[in-house]
Amino acid sequence: MSETRKPWHGVIVATSLPFNDDLSVDFAAYGESVAHLAEQGMHGVAPNGSLGEYQTLTYEERDRVVETALAHAPEGFTVMPGVGAYGGREAERHARFAKDAGCQAVMCLPPNAYRADDRAVLEHFERVASVGLPVTAYNNPIDTKVDLRPDLLAKLHAEGFIVGVKEFSGDVRRCYEISELAPGLDLMIGTDDTVLEVALAGAKGWVAGYPQVFPRACLALYEASVRGDLKTALPLYRQLHPVLRWDSKTEFVQAIKLGQEMTGRRGGACRPPRQPLAPETEAVVRAATQALLDAGVN
């Protein structure tokens, strides 16, 4: 990446959050994880996202997660926390904390308390943008039931509320429509199992889960994909896809935490309502991960 990389460009890892046996947050282990990701060549982290189980955290825990990430981030390494919340006032509060703490950008879901209409979405992002940090939208219609359609994203960008979008719909076709309707809006890969397709559509970044398990391989895949180097990217993509697809499944947090454990990193349990992987599901994830480990992927 060039020295002029924008904070939301490159591989920004949506970090999982380690818990102690009593399910309190293990902040020391989280800080070590952030430092490790920086050492592995990642460009930043996105704490307090879906992978970070933000819905189960108190405000105090969310704040301390952000502070921990910043404390372990080397110069030039992005900390772009998620500010997802039921409403705009809460999301604005999290964005203001992020700015005051020294973050470079925030990642924002639409309001997720109910199926918000376009007016509610616009007001929500206006509130968050008013804080003054660059805002990347996070389109996850699967979980939030609110779809940031290409035309709505274009409106949000035209109003100056967002600079980019983490596109998690899984529909690669809409990436081209987004670039047509909002040429200045930065497209970011949102699902690990569409890395190649969205990169070829012009992505500037990847808000990623599986680089926590296979950082070097995922970085190589991303860089080859954005270069359009299919000779390098396609075989690697095929090799990694059996694990990457778990990022789009309900059990994505548990799957990635299992992968972290298998590679000697701290993964651990999840907070309720997330349950441990069912034995048959764990067997599939474990086998796919072990096959990559046996092949020397790291």
Protein backbone atom coordinates (compact mmCIF):
# COMPACT_ATOMS: atom_id res chain seq x y z
CA MET A 1 0.00 0.00 0.00
CA SER A 2 1.15 3.53 -0.73
CA GLU A 3 1.97 6.13 1.91
CA THR A 4 -1.23 7.94 0.93
CA ARG A 5 -3.47 5.00 1.86
CA LYS A 6 -6.75 6.19 3.28
CA PRO A 7 -7.50 4.76 6.73
CA TRP A 8 -10.25 2.46 5.45
CA HIS A 9 -8.19 1.05 2.57
CA GLY A 10 -6.37 -2.27 2.62
CA VAL A 11 -7.06 -5.27 4.84
CA ILE A 12 -8.91 -4.06 7.93
CA VAL A 13 -9.48 -7.02 10.24
CA ALA A 14 -12.88 -7.23 11.93
CA THR A 15 -11.45 -8.54 15.15
CA SER A 16 -12.96 -11.22 17.34
CA LEU A 17 -12.92 -10.57 21.07
CA PRO A 18 -11.41 -13.03 23.57
CA PHE A 19 -13.22 -13.66 26.84
CA ASN A 20 -12.06 -15.05 30.16
CA ASP A 21 -13.65 -18.18 31.63
CA ASP A 22 -16.30 -16.02 33.32
CA LEU A 23 -16.99 -14.35 29.93
CA SER A 24 -15.51 -11.04 31.00
CA VAL A 25 -13.42 -9.41 28.27
CA ASP A 26 -9.75 -10.41 28.22
CA PHE A 27 -8.38 -7.02 27.24
CA ALA A 28 -4.74 -8.11 27.52
CA ALA A 29 -5.27 -10.94 25.04
CA TYR A 30 -7.17 -8.58 22.73
CA GLY A 31 -4.34 -6.07 22.74
CA GLU A 32 -1.86 -8.83 21.92
CA SER A 33 -4.07 -9.89 19.02
CA VAL A 34 -4.12 -6.37 17.58
CA ALA A 35 -0.34 -6.11 17.85
CA HIS A 36 0.05 -9.51 16.17
CA LEU A 37 -2.17 -8.51 13.24
CA ALA A 38 -0.09 -5.38 12.71
CA GLU A 39 3.09 -7.49 12.75
CA GLN A 40 1.57 -9.78 10.10
CA GLY A 41 1.13 -6.87 7.69
CA MET A 42 -2.54 -6.06 8.12
CA HIS A 43 -3.51 -2.45 7.53
CA GLY A 44 -5.86 -2.01 10.47
CA VAL A 45 -8.56 -3.41 12.70
CA ALA A 46 -12.29 -2.84 13.05
CA PRO A 47 -13.17 -3.57 16.70
CA ASN A 48 -16.75 -3.75 17.97
CA GLY A 49 -18.16 -5.17 14.76
CA SER A 50 -20.30 -8.26 14.37
CA LEU A 51 -17.22 -10.46 14.79
CA GLY A 52 -16.45 -8.60 18.00
CA GLU A 53 -19.88 -9.51 19.40
CA TYR A 54 -20.66 -5.81 19.91
CA GLN A 55 -24.32 -6.53 20.68
CA THR A 56 -23.32 -8.26 23.92
CA LEU A 57 -20.97 -5.53 25.19
CA THR A 58 -21.69 -2.69 27.59
CA TYR A 59 -20.76 0.85 26.60
CA GLU A 60 -17.83 0.69 29.03
CA GLU A 61 -16.58 -2.53 27.45
CA ARG A 62 -16.92 -1.12 23.94
CA ASP A 63 -14.97 1.97 24.95
CA ARG A 64 -12.20 -0.04 26.51
CA VAL A 65 -11.97 -2.32 23.46
CA VAL A 66 -11.37 0.79 21.33
CA GLU A 67 -8.79 2.13 23.76
CA THR A 68 -7.02 -1.25 23.83
CA ALA A 69 -6.86 -1.41 20.04
CA LEU A 70 -5.42 2.10 19.85
CA ALA A 71 -2.85 1.34 22.54
CA HIS A 72 -1.52 -1.61 20.53
CA ALA A 73 -1.73 -0.04 17.05
CA PRO A 74 1.56 1.10 15.53
CA GLU A 75 1.75 4.37 13.63
CA GLY A 76 -0.20 4.23 10.37
CA PHE A 77 -2.27 1.25 11.50
CA THR A 78 -6.00 1.98 11.29
CA VAL A 79 -8.43 1.54 14.15
CA MET A 80 -11.93 1.83 12.65
CA PRO A 81 -14.44 0.75 15.30
CA GLY A 82 -17.95 -0.34 14.57
CA VAL A 83 -20.55 2.04 15.98
CA GLY A 84 -23.55 -0.20 15.31
CA ALA A 85 -26.51 0.51 17.59
CA TYR A 86 -30.28 0.40 17.74
CA GLY A 87 -30.58 4.12 17.07
CA GLY A 88 -28.75 7.19 15.84
CA ARG A 89 -28.18 8.76 19.24
CA GLU A 90 -26.35 5.66 20.45
CA ALA A 91 -24.32 5.29 17.25
CA GLU A 92 -23.39 8.97 17.40
CA ARG A 93 -22.22 8.50 20.98
CA HIS A 94 -19.93 5.62 19.98
CA ALA A 95 -18.57 7.63 17.03
CA ARG A 96 -17.85 10.61 19.29
CA PHE A 97 -15.95 8.39 21.71
CA ALA A 98 -13.94 6.97 18.79
CA LYS A 99 -13.01 10.44 17.58
CA ASP A 100 -12.02 11.67 21.04
CA ALA A 101 -9.94 8.53 21.58
CA GLY A 102 -7.99 9.12 18.35
CA CYS A 103 -9.53 6.75 15.79
CA GLN A 104 -9.18 7.55 12.09
CA ALA A 105 -12.64 6.41 10.91
CA VAL A 106 -15.72 4.48 12.02
CA MET A 107 -17.83 1.74 10.48
CA CYS A 108 -21.58 2.17 10.82
CA LEU A 109 -24.52 -0.17 10.36
CA PRO A 110 -27.94 1.28 9.63
CA PRO A 111 -30.29 1.44 12.63
CA ASN A 112 -31.05 -2.15 13.56
CA ALA A 113 -33.91 -1.87 16.03
CA TYR A 114 -36.48 -2.24 13.28
CA ARG A 115 -36.83 -2.27 9.50
CA ALA A 116 -35.91 1.38 8.98
CA ASP A 117 -37.06 3.31 5.91
CA ASP A 118 -34.81 5.57 3.84
CA ARG A 119 -35.57 8.67 5.90
CA ALA A 120 -34.53 6.90 9.08
CA VAL A 121 -31.35 5.62 7.45
CA LEU A 122 -30.40 9.08 6.22
CA GLU A 123 -31.00 10.65 9.62
CA HIS A 124 -28.99 7.88 11.29
CA PHE A 125 -25.93 8.39 9.11
CA GLU A 126 -26.25 12.17 9.30
CA ARG A 127 -25.95 11.94 13.08
CA VAL A 128 -22.88 9.74 12.92
CA ALA A 129 -21.23 11.86 10.21
CA SER A 130 -21.82 15.00 12.28
CA VAL A 131 -19.11 13.83 14.67
CA GLY A 132 -16.52 14.60 12.00
CA LEU A 133 -14.81 11.25 11.37
CA PRO A 134 -14.97 9.50 7.97
CA VAL A 135 -17.81 6.97 8.04
CA THR A 136 -17.80 3.68 6.17
CA ALA A 137 -21.28 2.20 5.86
CA TYR A 138 -21.77 -1.47 6.67
CA ASN A 139 -24.45 -3.05 4.53
CA ASN A 140 -25.62 -6.25 6.22
CA PRO A 141 -29.27 -6.77 5.22
CA ILE A 142 -29.10 -10.36 6.46
CA ASP A 143 -28.67 -9.34 10.09
CA THR A 144 -30.18 -5.84 10.21
CA LYS A 145 -33.12 -6.32 7.81
CA VAL A 146 -32.20 -2.92 6.35
CA ASP A 147 -30.71 -3.01 2.85
CA LEU A 148 -28.42 -0.16 1.88
CA ARG A 149 -29.32 -0.40 -1.79
CA PRO A 150 -26.97 1.11 -4.39
CA ASP A 151 -29.29 4.10 -4.89
CA LEU A 152 -29.49 4.69 -1.13
CA LEU A 153 -25.72 4.43 -0.78
CA ALA A 154 -25.38 6.98 -3.58
CA LYS A 155 -27.68 9.35 -1.68
CA LEU A 156 -25.73 8.89 1.56
CA HIS A 157 -22.49 9.60 -0.30
CA ALA A 158 -23.89 12.61 -2.12
CA GLU A 159 -24.96 14.08 1.23
CA GLY A 160 -21.41 13.65 2.52
CA PHE A 161 -22.38 11.11 5.18
CA ILE A 162 -20.21 8.16 4.04
CA VAL A 163 -16.86 7.63 2.31
CA GLY A 164 -17.08 3.88 1.70
CA VAL A 165 -19.22 0.80 2.12
CA LYS A 166 -18.51 -2.64 3.50
CA GLU A 167 -20.74 -4.62 1.13
CA PHE A 168 -21.99 -7.74 2.91
CA SER A 169 -25.08 -8.56 0.84
CA GLY A 170 -23.11 -11.22 -1.04
CA ASP A 171 -24.55 -9.92 -4.32
CA VAL A 172 -21.48 -9.04 -6.35
CA ARG A 173 -23.62 -7.64 -9.16
CA ARG A 174 -24.54 -4.58 -7.13
CA CYS A 175 -20.89 -3.56 -6.84
CA TYR A 176 -20.97 -2.34 -10.42
CA GLU A 177 -24.17 -0.40 -9.84
CA ILE A 178 -22.66 1.25 -6.76
CA SER A 179 -19.65 2.42 -8.79
CA GLU A 180 -21.95 3.78 -11.50
CA LEU A 181 -24.24 5.67 -9.12
CA ALA A 182 -21.52 6.84 -6.72
CA PRO A 183 -18.13 6.78 -8.47
CA GLY A 184 -16.41 8.41 -5.50
CA LEU A 185 -17.68 5.92 -2.93
CA ASP A 186 -15.02 3.39 -1.94
CA LEU A 187 -16.15 -0.21 -2.26
CA MET A 188 -14.93 -2.55 0.47
CA ILE A 189 -15.11 -6.34 0.43
CA GLY A 190 -17.49 -7.38 3.19
CA THR A 191 -17.74 -11.15 2.89
CA ASP A 192 -14.58 -13.24 2.94
CA ASP A 193 -15.98 -15.63 0.34
CA THR A 194 -16.36 -12.87 -2.29
CA VAL A 195 -12.83 -11.47 -2.04
CA LEU A 196 -11.83 -12.10 -5.63
CA GLU A 197 -15.12 -11.04 -7.21
CA VAL A 198 -15.47 -7.77 -5.29
CA ALA A 199 -11.77 -6.96 -5.66
CA LEU A 200 -12.10 -7.30 -9.44
CA ALA A 201 -15.11 -4.96 -9.26
CA GLY A 202 -12.83 -2.25 -7.90
CA ALA A 203 -12.59 -2.70 -4.13
CA LYS A 204 -10.26 -0.43 -2.17
CA GLY A 205 -10.32 -2.50 1.00
CA TRP A 206 -11.42 -5.66 2.75
CA VAL A 207 -13.08 -5.66 6.16
CA ALA A 208 -12.01 -9.18 6.86
CA GLY A 209 -12.48 -12.03 9.30
CA TYR A 210 -10.22 -14.90 8.27
CA PRO A 211 -6.92 -12.99 8.23
CA GLN A 212 -7.04 -13.63 11.99
CA VAL A 213 -6.48 -17.29 11.17
CA PHE A 214 -4.38 -17.17 7.97
CA PRO A 215 -2.99 -13.62 7.82
CA ARG A 216 -0.21 -14.03 5.28
CA ALA A 217 -2.27 -16.09 2.84
CA CYS A 218 -5.24 -13.73 3.08
CA LEU A 219 -3.03 -10.69 2.52
CA ALA A 220 -1.48 -12.34 -0.53
CA LEU A 221 -4.96 -13.17 -1.85
CA TYR A 222 -6.18 -9.60 -1.37
CA GLU A 223 -3.15 -8.01 -3.00
CA ALA A 224 -3.22 -10.35 -6.00
CA SER A 225 -6.97 -9.85 -6.39
CA VAL A 226 -6.88 -6.05 -6.42
CA ARG A 227 -4.00 -6.21 -8.90
CA GLY A 228 -6.11 -8.42 -11.15
CA ASP A 229 -3.40 -11.09 -10.96
CA LEU A 230 -5.64 -14.09 -11.51
CA LYS A 231 -2.72 -16.46 -12.00
CA THR A 232 -1.79 -15.89 -8.37
CA ALA A 233 -5.19 -15.13 -6.89
CA LEU A 234 -7.41 -17.86 -8.28
CA PRO A 235 -5.50 -20.95 -7.02
CA LEU A 236 -5.11 -19.33 -3.60
CA TYR A 237 -8.78 -18.37 -3.53
CA ARG A 238 -9.83 -21.93 -4.36
CA GLN A 239 -7.54 -23.25 -1.66
CA LEU A 240 -8.86 -20.87 1.01
CA HIS A 241 -12.54 -20.90 0.06
CA PRO A 242 -13.54 -23.87 2.26
CA VAL A 243 -12.79 -21.70 5.30
CA LEU A 244 -13.59 -18.27 3.83
CA ARG A 245 -17.21 -19.27 3.23
CA TRP A 246 -17.78 -19.63 6.96
CA ASP A 247 -17.56 -15.84 7.24
CA SER A 248 -21.00 -15.69 5.59
CA LYS A 249 -22.62 -18.30 7.81
CA THR A 250 -24.47 -17.87 11.11
CA GLU A 251 -21.63 -19.50 13.03
CA PHE A 252 -18.93 -17.23 11.61
CA VAL A 253 -17.68 -15.97 14.98
CA GLN A 254 -17.37 -19.45 16.45
CA ALA A 255 -15.72 -20.76 13.25
CA ILE A 256 -13.09 -18.03 13.19
CA LYS A 257 -12.41 -18.38 16.92
CA LEU A 258 -11.88 -22.13 16.38
CA GLY A 259 -9.45 -21.33 13.57
CA GLN A 260 -7.57 -18.98 15.86
CA GLU A 261 -7.26 -21.71 18.50
CA MET A 262 -6.01 -24.19 15.89
CA THR A 263 -3.27 -21.79 14.79
CA GLY A 264 -2.10 -21.10 18.32
CA ARG A 265 -3.91 -17.81 18.78
CA ARG A 266 -6.51 -16.89 21.39
CA GLY A 267 -10.07 -17.64 20.24
CA GLY A 268 -12.17 -19.12 22.98
CA ALA A 269 -15.85 -19.05 23.78
CA CYS A 270 -18.55 -16.60 22.74
CA ARG A 271 -21.03 -14.77 24.89
CA PRO A 272 -24.69 -15.81 24.77
CA PRO A 273 -26.77 -16.04 22.70
CA ARG A 274 -23.98 -17.58 20.59
CA GLN A 275 -23.53 -21.23 21.49
CA PRO A 276 -20.54 -23.52 20.90
CA LEU A 277 -20.43 -25.09 17.46
CA ALA A 278 -22.53 -28.23 17.12
CA PRO A 279 -20.26 -31.29 16.85
CA GLU A 280 -21.05 -31.90 13.19
CA THR A 281 -20.43 -28.23 12.32
CA GLU A 282 -17.21 -28.13 14.30
CA ALA A 283 -15.98 -31.21 12.45
CA VAL A 284 -16.44 -29.50 9.08
CA VAL A 285 -14.71 -26.28 10.16
CA ARG A 286 -11.92 -28.16 11.87
CA ALA A 287 -11.27 -30.38 8.85
CA ALA A 288 -11.18 -27.44 6.43
CA THR A 289 -8.83 -25.51 8.70
CA GLN A 290 -6.58 -28.50 9.34
CA ALA A 291 -6.26 -29.20 5.61
CA LEU A 292 -4.83 -25.71 5.11
CA LEU A 293 -2.50 -26.08 8.07
CA ASP A 294 -1.27 -29.41 6.67
CA ALA A 295 -0.63 -27.67 3.35
CA GLY A 296 1.57 -25.09 5.09
CA VAL A 297 -0.83 -22.17 4.71
CA ASN A 298 -0.29 -19.42 7.25
